[in-house]
C-alpha atoms as a PDB file:
ATOM      1  CA  UNK A   1     -46.177 -65.982  77.656  1.00  0.00           C
ATOM      2  CA  UNK A   2     -46.610 -69.589  76.494  1.00  0.00           C
ATOM      3  CA  UNK A   3     -50.304 -69.045  75.668  1.00  0.00           C
ATOM      4  CA  UNK A   4     -49.452 -66.348  73.147  1.00  0.00           C
ATOM      5  CA  UNK A   5     -46.419 -68.163  71.794  1.00  0.00           C
ATOM      6  CA  UNK A   6     -48.326 -71.269  70.682  1.00  0.00           C
ATOM      7  CA  UNK A   7     -50.671 -69.507  68.202  1.00  0.00           C
ATOM      8  CA  UNK A   8     -47.778 -67.489  66.804  1.00  0.00           C
ATOM      9  CA  UNK A   9     -45.733 -70.680  66.168  1.00  0.00           C
ATOM     10  CA  UNK A  10     -48.747 -72.448  64.692  1.00  0.00           C
ATOM     11  CA  UNK A  11     -49.341 -69.514  62.310  1.00  0.00           C
ATOM     12  CA  UNK A  12     -45.714 -69.498  61.279  1.00  0.00           C
ATOM     13  CA  UNK A  13     -45.735 -73.183  60.380  1.00  0.00           C
ATOM     14  CA  UNK A  14     -48.960 -72.861  58.426  1.00  0.00           C
ATOM     15  CA  UNK A  15     -47.662 -69.923  56.416  1.00  0.00           C
ATOM     16  CA  UNK A  16     -44.314 -71.608  55.787  1.00  0.00           C
ATOM     17  CA  UNK A  17     -46.110 -74.564  54.218  1.00  0.00           C
ATOM     18  CA  UNK A  18     -47.916 -72.355  51.702  1.00  0.00           C
ATOM     19  CA  UNK A  19     -44.831 -70.785  50.131  1.00  0.00           C
ATOM     20  CA  UNK A  20     -43.164 -73.810  48.586  1.00  0.00           C
ATOM     21  CA  UNK A  21     -41.225 -74.223  45.420  1.00  0.00           C
ATOM     22  CA  UNK A  22     -42.482 -76.551  42.715  1.00  0.00           C
ATOM     23  CA  UNK A  23     -40.507 -78.296  40.000  1.00  0.00           C
ATOM     24  CA  UNK A  24     -41.936 -78.564  36.509  1.00  0.00           C
ATOM     25  CA  UNK A  25     -40.484 -81.455  34.531  1.00  0.00           C
ATOM     26  CA  UNK A  26     -40.962 -80.971  30.789  1.00  0.00           C
ATOM     27  CA  UNK A  27     -41.243 -83.797  28.276  1.00  0.00           C
ATOM     28  CA  UNK A  28     -37.717 -82.926  27.079  1.00  0.00           C
ATOM     29  CA  UNK A  29     -36.374 -83.745  30.572  1.00  0.00           C
ATOM     30  CA  UNK A  30     -35.729 -80.111  31.550  1.00  0.00           C
ATOM     31  CA  UNK A  31     -36.430 -79.200  35.185  1.00  0.00           C
ATOM     32  CA  UNK A  32     -37.847 -75.719  35.887  1.00  0.00           C
ATOM     33  CA  UNK A  33     -38.237 -74.338  39.399  1.00  0.00           C
ATOM     34  CA  UNK A  34     -41.422 -72.346  40.022  1.00  0.00           C
ATOM     35  CA  UNK A  35     -42.158 -70.242  43.072  1.00  0.00           C
ATOM     36  CA  UNK A  36     -45.608 -71.351  44.206  1.00  0.00           C
ATOM     37  CA  UNK A  37     -47.916 -73.792  42.550  1.00  0.00           C
ATOM     38  CA  UNK A  38     -48.413 -73.279  38.806  1.00  0.00           C
ATOM     39  CA  UNK A  39     -51.928 -72.401  37.675  1.00  0.00           C
ATOM     40  CA  UNK A  40     -53.608 -74.072  34.699  1.00  0.00           C
ATOM     41  CA  UNK A  41     -55.672 -71.967  32.279  1.00  0.00           C
ATOM     42  CA  UNK A  42     -56.468 -72.200  28.564  1.00  0.00           C
ATOM     43  CA  UNK A  43     -54.054 -75.057  27.829  1.00  0.00           C
ATOM     44  CA  UNK A  44     -51.066 -73.435  29.576  1.00  0.00           C
ATOM     45  CA  UNK A  45     -49.444 -73.611  33.020  1.00  0.00           C
ATOM     46  CA  UNK A  46     -48.683 -70.133  34.335  1.00  0.00           C
ATOM     47  CA  UNK A  47     -45.996 -69.794  36.977  1.00  0.00           C
ATOM     48  CA  UNK A  48     -43.384 -67.443  38.455  1.00  0.00           C
ATOM     49  CA  UNK A  49     -39.868 -68.718  37.785  1.00  0.00           C
ATOM     50  CA  UNK A  50     -36.917 -68.604  40.175  1.00  0.00           C
ATOM     51  CA  UNK A  51     -35.866 -65.173  38.900  1.00  0.00           C
ATOM     52  CA  UNK A  52     -39.328 -63.683  39.522  1.00  0.00           C
ATOM     53  CA  UNK A  53     -40.563 -63.548  35.908  1.00  0.00           C
ATOM     54  CA  UNK A  54     -44.124 -64.626  35.130  1.00  0.00           C
ATOM     55  CA  UNK A  55     -43.913 -67.356  32.525  1.00  0.00           C
ATOM     56  CA  UNK A  56     -46.097 -69.949  30.870  1.00  0.00           C
ATOM     57  CA  UNK A  57     -45.548 -73.366  29.345  1.00  0.00           C
ATOM     58  CA  UNK A  58     -47.858 -75.313  27.037  1.00  0.00           C
ATOM     59  CA  UNK A  59     -49.567 -78.105  28.992  1.00  0.00           C
ATOM     60  CA  UNK A  60     -48.660 -80.858  26.516  1.00  0.00           C
ATOM     61  CA  UNK A  61     -44.973 -80.069  27.157  1.00  0.00           C
ATOM     62  CA  UNK A  62     -45.299 -80.832  30.908  1.00  0.00           C
ATOM     63  CA  UNK A  63     -44.651 -84.336  32.198  1.00  0.00           C
ATOM     64  CA  UNK A  64     -44.807 -83.686  35.934  1.00  0.00           C
ATOM     65  CA  UNK A  65     -45.478 -80.895  38.409  1.00  0.00           C
ATOM     66  CA  UNK A  66     -44.589 -81.618  42.011  1.00  0.00           C
ATOM     67  CA  UNK A  67     -43.150 -79.982  45.114  1.00  0.00           C
ATOM     68  CA  UNK A  68     -39.387 -79.674  44.757  1.00  0.00           C
ATOM     69  CA  UNK A  69     -38.656 -82.419  47.298  1.00  0.00           C
ATOM     70  CA  UNK A  70     -41.013 -84.945  45.649  1.00  0.00           C
ATOM     71  CA  UNK A  71     -39.988 -84.897  41.968  1.00  0.00           C
ATOM     72  CA  UNK A  72     -39.223 -88.336  40.638  1.00  0.00           C
ATOM     73  CA  UNK A  73     -36.051 -88.977  38.687  1.00  0.00           C
ATOM     74  CA  UNK A  74     -36.743 -91.310  35.727  1.00  0.00           C
ATOM     75  CA  UNK A  75     -33.034 -92.004  35.338  1.00  0.00           C
ATOM     76  CA  UNK A  76     -32.720 -93.332  38.909  1.00  0.00           C
ATOM     77  CA  UNK A  77     -34.240 -96.735  38.104  1.00  0.00           C
ATOM     78  CA  UNK A  78     -35.113 -99.186  40.856  1.00  0.00           C
ATOM     79  CA  UNK A  79     -33.385 -98.875  44.176  1.00  0.00           C
ATOM     80  CA  UNK A  80     -32.544-101.927  46.241  1.00  0.00           C
ATOM     81  CA  UNK A  81     -31.651-102.015  49.893  1.00  0.00           C
END
């Protein structure tokens, strides 16, 4: 039982890491949530938005693309302890 459970759990954790949401921060400050990592081609970033529509954004309009939990907030400033 435990021998078959370990590979199943390992596969689950590997697959769960692949389907992550990314946040695209535009130069205007707007945050857009994308399902999966955006793809770059011909000067545009192509992505699937939160509603499931395939969309693109011009690359010069993008300031940052990062996983949703790692996006920096430029308004936060320095944090002291």
